[in-house]
PDB file of N, CA and C in Angstrom:
ATOM      1  N   MET A   1     -13.826  20.290 -97.905  1.00  0.00           N
ATOM      2  CA  MET A   1     -12.736  19.661 -98.248  1.00  0.00           C
ATOM      3  C   MET A   1     -11.570  21.271 -97.272  1.00  0.00           C
ATOM      4  N   ALA A   2     -10.715  20.711 -96.455  1.00  0.00           N
ATOM      5  CA  ALA A   2      -9.685  21.689 -95.555  1.00  0.00           C
ATOM      6  C   ALA A   2      -9.001  21.608 -96.542  1.00  0.00           C
ATOM      7  N   SER A   3      -7.832  23.345 -96.177  1.00  0.00           N
ATOM      8  CA  SER A   3      -6.805  23.498 -97.100  1.00  0.00           C
ATOM      9  C   SER A   3      -6.243  23.604 -96.396  1.00  0.00           C
ATOM     10  N   THR A   4      -5.729  24.448 -95.135  1.00  0.00           N
ATOM     11  CA  THR A   4      -4.902  24.003 -94.389  1.00  0.00           C
ATOM     12  C   THR A   4      -5.561  23.051 -92.738  1.00  0.00           C
ATOM     13  N   PRO A   5      -3.970  23.664 -92.400  1.00  0.00           N
ATOM     14  CA  PRO A   5      -4.163  22.145 -91.104  1.00  0.00           C
ATOM     15  C   PRO A   5      -5.373  22.382 -89.627  1.00  0.00           C
ATOM     16  N   GLU A   6      -5.211  24.138 -89.681  1.00  0.00           N
ATOM     17  CA  GLU A   6      -6.265  24.575 -88.305  1.00  0.00           C
ATOM     18  C   GLU A   6      -8.183  24.547 -89.470  1.00  0.00           C
ATOM     19  N   GLU A   7      -8.559  23.956 -90.229  1.00  0.00           N
ATOM     20  CA  GLU A   7      -8.853  23.917 -90.905  1.00  0.00           C
ATOM     21  C   GLU A   7     -10.239  21.975 -90.448  1.00  0.00           C
ATOM     22  N   LEU A   8      -9.362  21.726 -90.584  1.00  0.00           N
ATOM     23  CA  LEU A   8      -9.622  20.168 -90.063  1.00  0.00           C
ATOM     24  C   LEU A   8      -9.950  19.711 -88.609  1.00  0.00           C
ATOM     25  N   THR A   9     -11.251  19.117 -88.665  1.00  0.00           N
ATOM     26  CA  THR A   9     -11.287  19.369 -87.487  1.00  0.00           C
ATOM     27  C   THR A   9     -13.010  17.721 -87.813  1.00  0.00           C
ATOM     28  N   ILE A  10     -12.620  17.234 -86.522  1.00  0.00           N
ATOM     29  CA  ILE A  10     -13.104  15.900 -85.602  1.00  0.00           C
ATOM     30  C   ILE A  10     -15.188  15.704 -85.951  1.00  0.00           C
ATOM     31  N   SER A  11     -15.816  17.123 -86.293  1.00  0.00           N
ATOM     32  CA  SER A  11     -16.935  17.858 -85.240  1.00  0.00           C
ATOM     33  C   SER A  11     -17.931  17.235 -86.119  1.00  0.00           C
ATOM     34  N   TYR A  12     -18.910  16.918 -86.259  1.00  0.00           N
ATOM     35  CA  TYR A  12     -19.960  15.908 -87.017  1.00  0.00           C
ATOM     36  C   TYR A  12     -20.724  15.895 -86.744  1.00  0.00           C
ATOM     37  N   ARG A  13     -21.858  16.616 -87.274  1.00  0.00           N
ATOM     38  CA  ARG A  13     -23.430  16.832 -87.546  1.00  0.00           C
ATOM     39  C   ARG A  13     -24.098  16.193 -88.051  1.00  0.00           C
ATOM     40  N   GLU A  14     -25.227  15.957 -87.834  1.00  0.00           N
ATOM     41  CA  GLU A  14     -26.191  15.255 -88.051  1.00  0.00           C
ATOM     42  C   GLU A  14     -27.958  16.019 -87.887  1.00  0.00           C
ATOM     43  N   GLY A  15     -27.859  16.845 -89.256  1.00  0.00           N
ATOM     44  CA  GLY A  15     -28.944  17.801 -88.864  1.00  0.00           C
ATOM     45  C   GLY A  15     -28.834  18.648 -88.305  1.00  0.00           C
ATOM     46  N   ASP A  16     -29.573  19.229 -86.692  1.00  0.00           N
ATOM     47  CA  ASP A  16     -29.213  20.176 -86.064  1.00  0.00           C
ATOM     48  C   ASP A  16     -28.364  19.558 -85.035  1.00  0.00           C
ATOM     49  N   LEU A  17     -28.261  18.137 -84.944  1.00  0.00           N
ATOM     50  CA  LEU A  17     -26.850  17.343 -83.434  1.00  0.00           C
ATOM     51  C   LEU A  17     -25.744  17.811 -83.585  1.00  0.00           C
ATOM     52  N   GLU A  18     -25.215  18.222 -82.841  1.00  0.00           N
ATOM     53  CA  GLU A  18     -23.285  17.551 -83.031  1.00  0.00           C
ATOM     54  C   GLU A  18     -23.447  16.036 -82.897  1.00  0.00           C
ATOM     55  N   VAL A  19     -22.508  15.482 -82.936  1.00  0.00           N
ATOM     56  CA  VAL A  19     -22.713  14.029 -82.779  1.00  0.00           C
ATOM     57  C   VAL A  19     -21.478  13.866 -82.632  1.00  0.00           C
ATOM     58  N   VAL A  20     -20.926  14.270 -83.487  1.00  0.00           N
ATOM     59  CA  VAL A  20     -19.102  14.363 -82.544  1.00  0.00           C
ATOM     60  C   VAL A  20     -18.748  16.056 -82.166  1.00  0.00           C
ATOM     61  N   LYS A  21     -18.310  16.265 -80.644  1.00  0.00           N
ATOM     62  CA  LYS A  21     -18.095  18.008 -80.348  1.00  0.00           C
ATOM     63  C   LYS A  21     -16.466  17.777 -80.156  1.00  0.00           C
ATOM     64  N   GLU A  22     -15.761  18.601 -81.333  1.00  0.00           N
ATOM     65  CA  GLU A  22     -14.799  18.559 -81.021  1.00  0.00           C
ATOM     66  C   GLU A  22     -14.285  19.433 -79.871  1.00  0.00           C
ATOM     67  N   LEU A  23     -13.836  19.523 -78.715  1.00  0.00           N
ATOM     68  CA  LEU A  23     -13.538  20.336 -77.614  1.00  0.00           C
ATOM     69  C   LEU A  23     -11.922  20.640 -77.533  1.00  0.00           C
ATOM     70  N   ASP A  24     -10.870  19.528 -78.311  1.00  0.00           N
ATOM     71  CA  ASP A  24     -10.077  20.648 -78.375  1.00  0.00           C
ATOM     72  C   ASP A  24      -9.085  20.150 -79.014  1.00  0.00           C
ATOM     73  N   LYS A  25      -8.247  20.606 -80.365  1.00  0.00           N
ATOM     74  CA  LYS A  25      -7.255  19.884 -80.711  1.00  0.00           C
ATOM     75  C   LYS A  25      -5.666  20.456 -80.970  1.00  0.00           C
ATOM     76  N   GLU A  26      -4.815  19.681 -81.242  1.00  0.00           N
ATOM     77  CA  GLU A  26      -2.970  19.888 -81.323  1.00  0.00           C
ATOM     78  C   GLU A  26      -2.436  18.994 -82.731  1.00  0.00           C
ATOM     79  N   VAL A  27      -2.118  20.462 -82.921  1.00  0.00           N
ATOM     80  CA  VAL A  27      -1.459  19.783 -84.520  1.00  0.00           C
ATOM     81  C   VAL A  27       0.073  19.728 -83.903  1.00  0.00           C
ATOM     82  N   LEU A  28       0.071  18.501 -84.717  1.00  0.00           N
ATOM     83  CA  LEU A  28       1.137  17.949 -84.242  1.00  0.00           C
ATOM     84  C   LEU A  28       2.607  17.605 -85.266  1.00  0.00           C
ATOM     85  N   SER A  29       2.107  18.069 -86.425  1.00  0.00           N
ATOM     86  CA  SER A  29       2.801  18.044 -87.894  1.00  0.00           C
ATOM     87  C   SER A  29       2.475  18.752 -89.090  1.00  0.00           C
ATOM     88  N   LYS A  30       3.031  19.875 -89.492  1.00  0.00           N
ATOM     89  CA  LYS A  30       2.512  20.171 -90.457  1.00  0.00           C
ATOM     90  C   LYS A  30       3.103  19.702 -91.851  1.00  0.00           C
ATOM     91  N   GLY A  31       2.579  20.196 -93.270  1.00  0.00           N
ATOM     92  CA  GLY A  31       3.360  19.906 -94.089  1.00  0.00           C
ATOM     93  C   GLY A  31       2.212  19.245 -95.492  1.00  0.00           C
ATOM     94  N   ALA A  32       3.019  18.089 -96.281  1.00  0.00           N
ATOM     95  CA  ALA A  32       2.234  17.789 -97.593  1.00  0.00           C
ATOM     96  C   ALA A  32       1.461  16.120 -96.415  1.00  0.00           C
ATOM     97  N   TRP A  33       2.245  16.135 -95.126  1.00  0.00           N
ATOM     98  CA  TRP A  33       1.023  15.397 -94.233  1.00  0.00           C
ATOM     99  C   TRP A  33       1.033  15.940 -92.993  1.00  0.00           C
ATOM    100  N   THR A  34      -0.202  15.959 -92.574  1.00  0.00           N
ATOM    101  CA  THR A  34       0.478  16.308 -91.411  1.00  0.00           C
ATOM    102  C   THR A  34      -0.563  15.515 -90.085  1.00  0.00           C
ATOM    103  N   THR A  35      -0.105  15.518 -88.800  1.00  0.00           N
ATOM    104  CA  THR A  35      -0.606  14.788 -87.758  1.00  0.00           C
ATOM    105  C   THR A  35      -1.583  15.169 -86.867  1.00  0.00           C
ATOM    106  N   ILE A  36      -2.542  15.274 -86.144  1.00  0.00           N
ATOM    107  CA  ILE A  36      -3.569  15.715 -85.024  1.00  0.00           C
ATOM    108  C   ILE A  36      -4.040  15.499 -84.612  1.00  0.00           C
ATOM    109  N   LEU A  37      -3.870  15.390 -83.120  1.00  0.00           N
ATOM    110  CA  LEU A  37      -4.561  15.131 -82.212  1.00  0.00           C
ATOM    111  C   LEU A  37      -6.093  15.708 -81.400  1.00  0.00           C
ATOM    112  N   PHE A  38      -6.537  15.146 -82.174  1.00  0.00           N
ATOM    113  CA  PHE A  38      -7.844  16.097 -81.255  1.00  0.00           C
ATOM    114  C   PHE A  38      -8.059  15.110 -80.000  1.00  0.00           C
ATOM    115  N   ARG A  39      -8.856  15.996 -79.021  1.00  0.00           N
ATOM    116  CA  ARG A  39     -10.481  15.774 -78.620  1.00  0.00           C
ATOM    117  C   ARG A  39     -11.359  15.708 -78.336  1.00  0.00           C
ATOM    118  N   TYR A  40     -11.684  15.047 -77.769  1.00  0.00           N
ATOM    119  CA  TYR A  40     -13.931  14.869 -78.450  1.00  0.00           C
ATOM    120  C   TYR A  40     -14.542  13.968 -77.617  1.00  0.00           C
ATOM    121  N   GLN A  41     -15.158  14.556 -77.381  1.00  0.00           N
ATOM    122  CA  GLN A  41     -17.215  13.435 -76.721  1.00  0.00           C
ATOM    123  C   GLN A  41     -18.134  13.185 -78.040  1.00  0.00           C
ATOM    124  N   GLU A  42     -18.700  11.680 -78.104  1.00  0.00           N
ATOM    125  CA  GLU A  42     -19.789  11.625 -79.142  1.00  0.00           C
ATOM    126  C   GLU A  42     -20.992  11.584 -78.312  1.00  0.00           C
ATOM    127  N   TRP A  43     -21.996  11.924 -78.945  1.00  0.00           N
ATOM    128  CA  TRP A  43     -23.581  12.238 -78.440  1.00  0.00           C
ATOM    129  C   TRP A  43     -23.864  10.663 -78.448  1.00  0.00           C
ATOM    130  N   ASN A  44     -24.277  10.696 -76.757  1.00  0.00           N
ATOM    131  CA  ASN A  44     -25.228   8.841 -77.071  1.00  0.00           C
ATOM    132  C   ASN A  44     -26.955   9.868 -76.498  1.00  0.00           C
ATOM    133  N   ASN A  45     -27.261   8.261 -77.653  1.00  0.00           N
ATOM    134  CA  ASN A  45     -29.026   8.890 -77.748  1.00  0.00           C
ATOM    135  C   ASN A  45     -29.398   8.207 -76.901  1.00  0.00           C
ATOM    136  N   ALA A  46     -29.291   7.600 -75.957  1.00  0.00           N
ATOM    137  CA  ALA A  46     -29.576   6.239 -75.104  1.00  0.00           C
ATOM    138  C   ALA A  46     -29.806   6.793 -74.221  1.00  0.00           C
ATOM    139  N   LYS A  47     -29.278   8.418 -73.563  1.00  0.00           N
ATOM    140  CA  LYS A  47     -28.899   8.919 -72.563  1.00  0.00           C
ATOM    141  C   LYS A  47     -29.475  10.217 -72.513  1.00  0.00           C
ATOM    142  N   GLN A  48     -29.183  10.829 -73.909  1.00  0.00           N
ATOM    143  CA  GLN A  48     -29.444  12.610 -74.393  1.00  0.00           C
ATOM    144  C   GLN A  48     -28.542  13.206 -74.017  1.00  0.00           C
ATOM    145  N   GLU A  49     -27.371  12.714 -74.093  1.00  0.00           N
ATOM    146  CA  GLU A  49     -26.342  13.336 -73.452  1.00  0.00           C
ATOM    147  C   GLU A  49     -24.591  12.410 -74.097  1.00  0.00           C
ATOM    148  N   TYR A  50     -24.121  13.828 -74.148  1.00  0.00           N
ATOM    149  CA  TYR A  50     -22.455  13.754 -74.929  1.00  0.00           C
ATOM    150  C   TYR A  50     -21.674  12.283 -73.450  1.00  0.00           C
ATOM    151  N   GLY A  51     -21.160  11.326 -73.802  1.00  0.00           N
ATOM    152  CA  GLY A  51     -20.684  10.844 -73.707  1.00  0.00           C
ATOM    153  C   GLY A  51     -19.163  11.272 -72.565  1.00  0.00           C
ATOM    154  N   PRO A  52     -17.798  10.797 -72.180  1.00  0.00           N
ATOM    155  CA  PRO A  52     -16.911  10.860 -71.431  1.00  0.00           C
ATOM    156  C   PRO A  52     -16.006  10.984 -72.913  1.00  0.00           C
ATOM    157  N   GLU A  53     -15.007  12.240 -72.365  1.00  0.00           N
ATOM    158  CA  GLU A  53     -13.456  12.159 -73.795  1.00  0.00           C
ATOM    159  C   GLU A  53     -12.605  11.418 -74.177  1.00  0.00           C
ATOM    160  N   LYS A  54     -13.293  11.604 -75.191  1.00  0.00           N
ATOM    161  CA  LYS A  54     -11.800  10.363 -76.082  1.00  0.00           C
ATOM    162  C   LYS A  54     -10.869  10.913 -76.844  1.00  0.00           C
ATOM    163  N   TYR A  55     -10.145  10.667 -77.346  1.00  0.00           N
ATOM    164  CA  TYR A  55      -9.313  11.479 -78.527  1.00  0.00           C
ATOM    165  C   TYR A  55      -8.892  10.219 -79.755  1.00  0.00           C
ATOM    166  N   SER A  56      -8.142  10.764 -80.363  1.00  0.00           N
ATOM    167  CA  SER A  56      -7.964  10.712 -82.008  1.00  0.00           C
ATOM    168  C   SER A  56      -6.954  11.183 -82.801  1.00  0.00           C
ATOM    169  N   ILE A  57      -5.981  10.417 -83.128  1.00  0.00           N
ATOM    170  CA  ILE A  57      -4.937  10.511 -83.964  1.00  0.00           C
ATOM    171  C   ILE A  57      -5.000  10.494 -85.407  1.00  0.00           C
ATOM    172  N   ARG A  58      -5.175  12.324 -86.452  1.00  0.00           N
ATOM    173  CA  ARG A  58      -5.324  11.334 -87.805  1.00  0.00           C
ATOM    174  C   ARG A  58      -4.507  12.044 -88.240  1.00  0.00           C
ATOM    175  N   ARG A  59      -4.136  10.774 -89.732  1.00  0.00           N
ATOM    176  CA  ARG A  59      -3.026  11.260 -90.515  1.00  0.00           C
ATOM    177  C   ARG A  59      -3.813  11.934 -91.812  1.00  0.00           C
ATOM    178  N   TYR A  60      -3.135  13.290 -92.198  1.00  0.00           N
ATOM    179  CA  TYR A  60      -3.841  13.626 -93.666  1.00  0.00           C
ATOM    180  C   TYR A  60      -2.820  13.705 -94.520  1.00  0.00           C
ATOM    181  N   GLN A  61      -2.815  14.177 -95.969  1.00  0.00           N
ATOM    182  CA  GLN A  61      -2.320  14.120 -96.605  1.00  0.00           C
ATOM    183  C   GLN A  61      -2.638  14.929 -97.879  1.00  0.00           C
ATOM    184  N   LYS A  62      -1.660  15.814 -97.963  1.00  0.00           N
ATOM    185  CA  LYS A  62      -2.524  16.782 -98.891  1.00  0.00           C
ATOM    186  C   LYS A  62      -2.561  17.106-100.320  1.00  0.00           C
ATOM    187  N   ARG A  63      -3.276  16.973-101.423  1.00  0.00           N
ATOM    188  CA  ARG A  63      -3.325  16.692-102.793  1.00  0.00           C
ATOM    189  C   ARG A  63      -4.449  18.220-103.389  1.00  0.00           C
ATOM    190  N   ASN A  64      -3.896  18.050-104.291  1.00  0.00           N
ATOM    191  CA  ASN A  64      -4.454  18.902-104.873  1.00  0.00           C
ATOM    192  C   ASN A  64      -5.057  20.206-104.217  1.00  0.00           C
ATOM    193  N   GLY A  65      -4.131  20.591-103.396  1.00  0.00           N
ATOM    194  CA  GLY A  65      -4.446  21.473-102.402  1.00  0.00           C
ATOM    195  C   GLY A  65      -5.418  21.424-101.222  1.00  0.00           C
ATOM    196  N   GLU A  66      -5.945  20.235-101.460  1.00  0.00           N
ATOM    197  CA  GLU A  66      -6.800  19.495-100.304  1.00  0.00           C
ATOM    198  C   GLU A  66      -7.025  18.706 -99.149  1.00  0.00           C
ATOM    199  N   TYR A  67      -6.778  18.873 -97.970  1.00  0.00           N
ATOM    200  CA  TYR A  67      -6.139  17.953 -97.255  1.00  0.00           C
ATOM    201  C   TYR A  67      -7.283  16.427 -96.646  1.00  0.00           C
ATOM    202  N   GLN A  68      -6.873  15.269 -96.420  1.00  0.00           N
ATOM    203  CA  GLN A  68      -7.459  13.662 -97.318  1.00  0.00           C
ATOM    204  C   GLN A  68      -6.877  12.995 -95.922  1.00  0.00           C
ATOM    205  N   GLN A  69      -7.459  12.695 -94.841  1.00  0.00           N
ATOM    206  CA  GLN A  69      -7.783  11.704 -93.800  1.00  0.00           C
ATOM    207  C   GLN A  69      -7.289  10.343 -95.067  1.00  0.00           C
ATOM    208  N   LYS A  70      -6.052  10.163 -94.229  1.00  0.00           N
ATOM    209  CA  LYS A  70      -5.949   8.715 -94.935  1.00  0.00           C
ATOM    210  C   LYS A  70      -5.671   7.749 -93.234  1.00  0.00           C
ATOM    211  N   SER A  71      -5.349   8.374 -92.307  1.00  0.00           N
ATOM    212  CA  SER A  71      -5.392   7.102 -91.368  1.00  0.00           C
ATOM    213  C   SER A  71      -5.575   7.474 -89.907  1.00  0.00           C
ATOM    214  N   ARG A  72      -6.197   6.968 -88.720  1.00  0.00           N
ATOM    215  CA  ARG A  72      -6.473   7.225 -87.574  1.00  0.00           C
ATOM    216  C   ARG A  72      -5.815   6.329 -86.764  1.00  0.00           C
ATOM    217  N   PHE A  73      -6.285   6.942 -85.295  1.00  0.00           N
ATOM    218  CA  PHE A  73      -6.114   6.081 -84.574  1.00  0.00           C
ATOM    219  C   PHE A  73      -6.972   6.702 -83.372  1.00  0.00           C
ATOM    220  N   ASN A  74      -8.065   5.593 -82.587  1.00  0.00           N
ATOM    221  CA  ASN A  74      -8.554   6.531 -81.482  1.00  0.00           C
ATOM    222  C   ASN A  74      -8.621   5.840 -80.018  1.00  0.00           C
ATOM    223  N   ILE A  75      -8.170   6.943 -79.181  1.00  0.00           N
ATOM    224  CA  ILE A  75      -7.966   6.222 -77.647  1.00  0.00           C
ATOM    225  C   ILE A  75      -9.009   6.571 -77.262  1.00  0.00           C
ATOM    226  N   SER A  76      -9.636   5.333 -76.588  1.00  0.00           N
ATOM    227  CA  SER A  76     -10.850   5.589 -75.907  1.00  0.00           C
ATOM    228  C   SER A  76     -10.911   5.810 -74.649  1.00  0.00           C
ATOM    229  N   SER A  77     -10.110   6.166 -74.175  1.00  0.00           N
ATOM    230  CA  SER A  77     -10.507   6.766 -72.342  1.00  0.00           C
ATOM    231  C   SER A  77      -9.127   6.991 -71.708  1.00  0.00           C
ATOM    232  N   LYS A  78      -9.260   7.574 -70.326  1.00  0.00           N
ATOM    233  CA  LYS A  78      -8.141   8.462 -70.183  1.00  0.00           C
ATOM    234  C   LYS A  78      -7.584   7.635 -69.688  1.00  0.00           C
ATOM    235  N   GLU A  79      -7.968   6.809 -69.169  1.00  0.00           N
ATOM    236  CA  GLU A  79      -6.717   5.204 -68.877  1.00  0.00           C
ATOM    237  C   GLU A  79      -5.995   4.518 -70.004  1.00  0.00           C
ATOM    238  N   GLN A  80      -6.467   4.431 -70.849  1.00  0.00           N
ATOM    239  CA  GLN A  80      -5.586   4.100 -72.102  1.00  0.00           C
ATOM    240  C   GLN A  80      -4.987   5.639 -72.354  1.00  0.00           C
ATOM    241  N   ALA A  81      -4.799   7.078 -72.399  1.00  0.00           N
ATOM    242  CA  ALA A  81      -4.114   7.783 -72.979  1.00  0.00           C
ATOM    243  C   ALA A  81      -2.962   8.197 -71.854  1.00  0.00           C
ATOM    244  N   ARG A  82      -3.476   7.741 -70.195  1.00  0.00           N
ATOM    245  CA  ARG A  82      -2.407   7.699 -69.338  1.00  0.00           C
ATOM    246  C   ARG A  82      -1.467   6.510 -69.845  1.00  0.00           C
ATOM    247  N   LYS A  83      -1.826   5.537 -70.052  1.00  0.00           N
ATOM    248  CA  LYS A  83      -1.094   4.474 -70.469  1.00  0.00           C
ATOM    249  C   LYS A  83       0.181   4.493 -71.768  1.00  0.00           C
ATOM    250  N   ILE A  84      -0.529   5.246 -72.747  1.00  0.00           N
ATOM    251  CA  ILE A  84       0.301   6.019 -73.516  1.00  0.00           C
ATOM    252  C   ILE A  84       1.475   6.549 -73.439  1.00  0.00           C
ATOM    253  N   ILE A  85       0.422   7.949 -72.213  1.00  0.00           N
ATOM    254  CA  ILE A  85       1.445   8.624 -72.324  1.00  0.00           C
ATOM    255  C   ILE A  85       2.870   7.698 -71.652  1.00  0.00           C
ATOM    256  N   GLU A  86       2.463   7.146 -70.216  1.00  0.00           N
ATOM    257  CA  GLU A  86       3.833   6.352 -69.411  1.00  0.00           C
ATOM    258  C   GLU A  86       4.894   5.660 -70.168  1.00  0.00           C
ATOM    259  N   ALA A  87       4.178   5.258 -71.455  1.00  0.00           N
ATOM    260  CA  ALA A  87       4.952   4.553 -72.488  1.00  0.00           C
ATOM    261  C   ALA A  87       5.452   5.465 -72.988  1.00  0.00           C
ATOM    262  N   LEU A  88       5.937   6.381 -73.501  1.00  0.00           N
ATOM    263  CA  LEU A  88       6.338   6.846 -74.765  1.00  0.00           C
ATOM    264  C   LEU A  88       7.016   8.114 -73.440  1.00  0.00           C
ATOM    265  N   SER A  89       6.751   8.108 -72.636  1.00  0.00           N
ATOM    266  CA  SER A  89       7.737   8.852 -71.610  1.00  0.00           C
ATOM    267  C   SER A  89       8.603   8.759 -71.581  1.00  0.00           C
ATOM    268  N   ARG A  90       8.560   6.903 -70.705  1.00  0.00           N
ATOM    269  CA  ARG A  90       9.616   5.845 -70.626  1.00  0.00           C
ATOM    270  C   ARG A  90      10.655   5.827 -71.269  1.00  0.00           C
ATOM    271  N   TRP A  91       9.936   5.493 -73.118  1.00  0.00           N
ATOM    272  CA  TRP A  91      10.780   5.305 -74.079  1.00  0.00           C
ATOM    273  C   TRP A  91      11.601   6.762 -74.103  1.00  0.00           C
ATOM    274  N   ILE A  92      11.329   7.953 -74.475  1.00  0.00           N
ATOM    275  CA  ILE A  92      11.482   8.628 -74.853  1.00  0.00           C
ATOM    276  C   ILE A  92      13.031   9.472 -74.050  1.00  0.00           C
ATOM    277  N   GLU A  93      12.795   9.003 -72.230  1.00  0.00           N
ATOM    278  CA  GLU A  93      14.166   8.744 -71.381  1.00  0.00           C
ATOM    279  C   GLU A  93      15.033   7.965 -71.632  1.00  0.00           C
ATOM    280  N   GLU A  94      14.822   6.960 -72.034  1.00  0.00           N
ATOM    281  CA  GLU A  94      16.093   6.157 -72.460  1.00  0.00           C
ATOM    282  C   GLU A  94      16.969   6.197 -73.315  1.00  0.00           C
TER     283      GLU A  94
END
């Protein structure tokens, strides 16, 4: 388990294969509750290659010195990400 936000990752391996490859991350908030935005790709067994970029917002709670994931929201495509950005940008300007 991770004890700092910088140690948290979305990467996941099965044997030698990195099934979920973390491309980048942005720590949005730190503290007892930490929020991180991840950019990642998943391995596609049928095509034997990584699929398109995806994004995930994850919330972690620090308990007993270690972070535990409590919730997540996956953004499945660049198009969905653009729509979220547009809506948030519009709301922030109001």
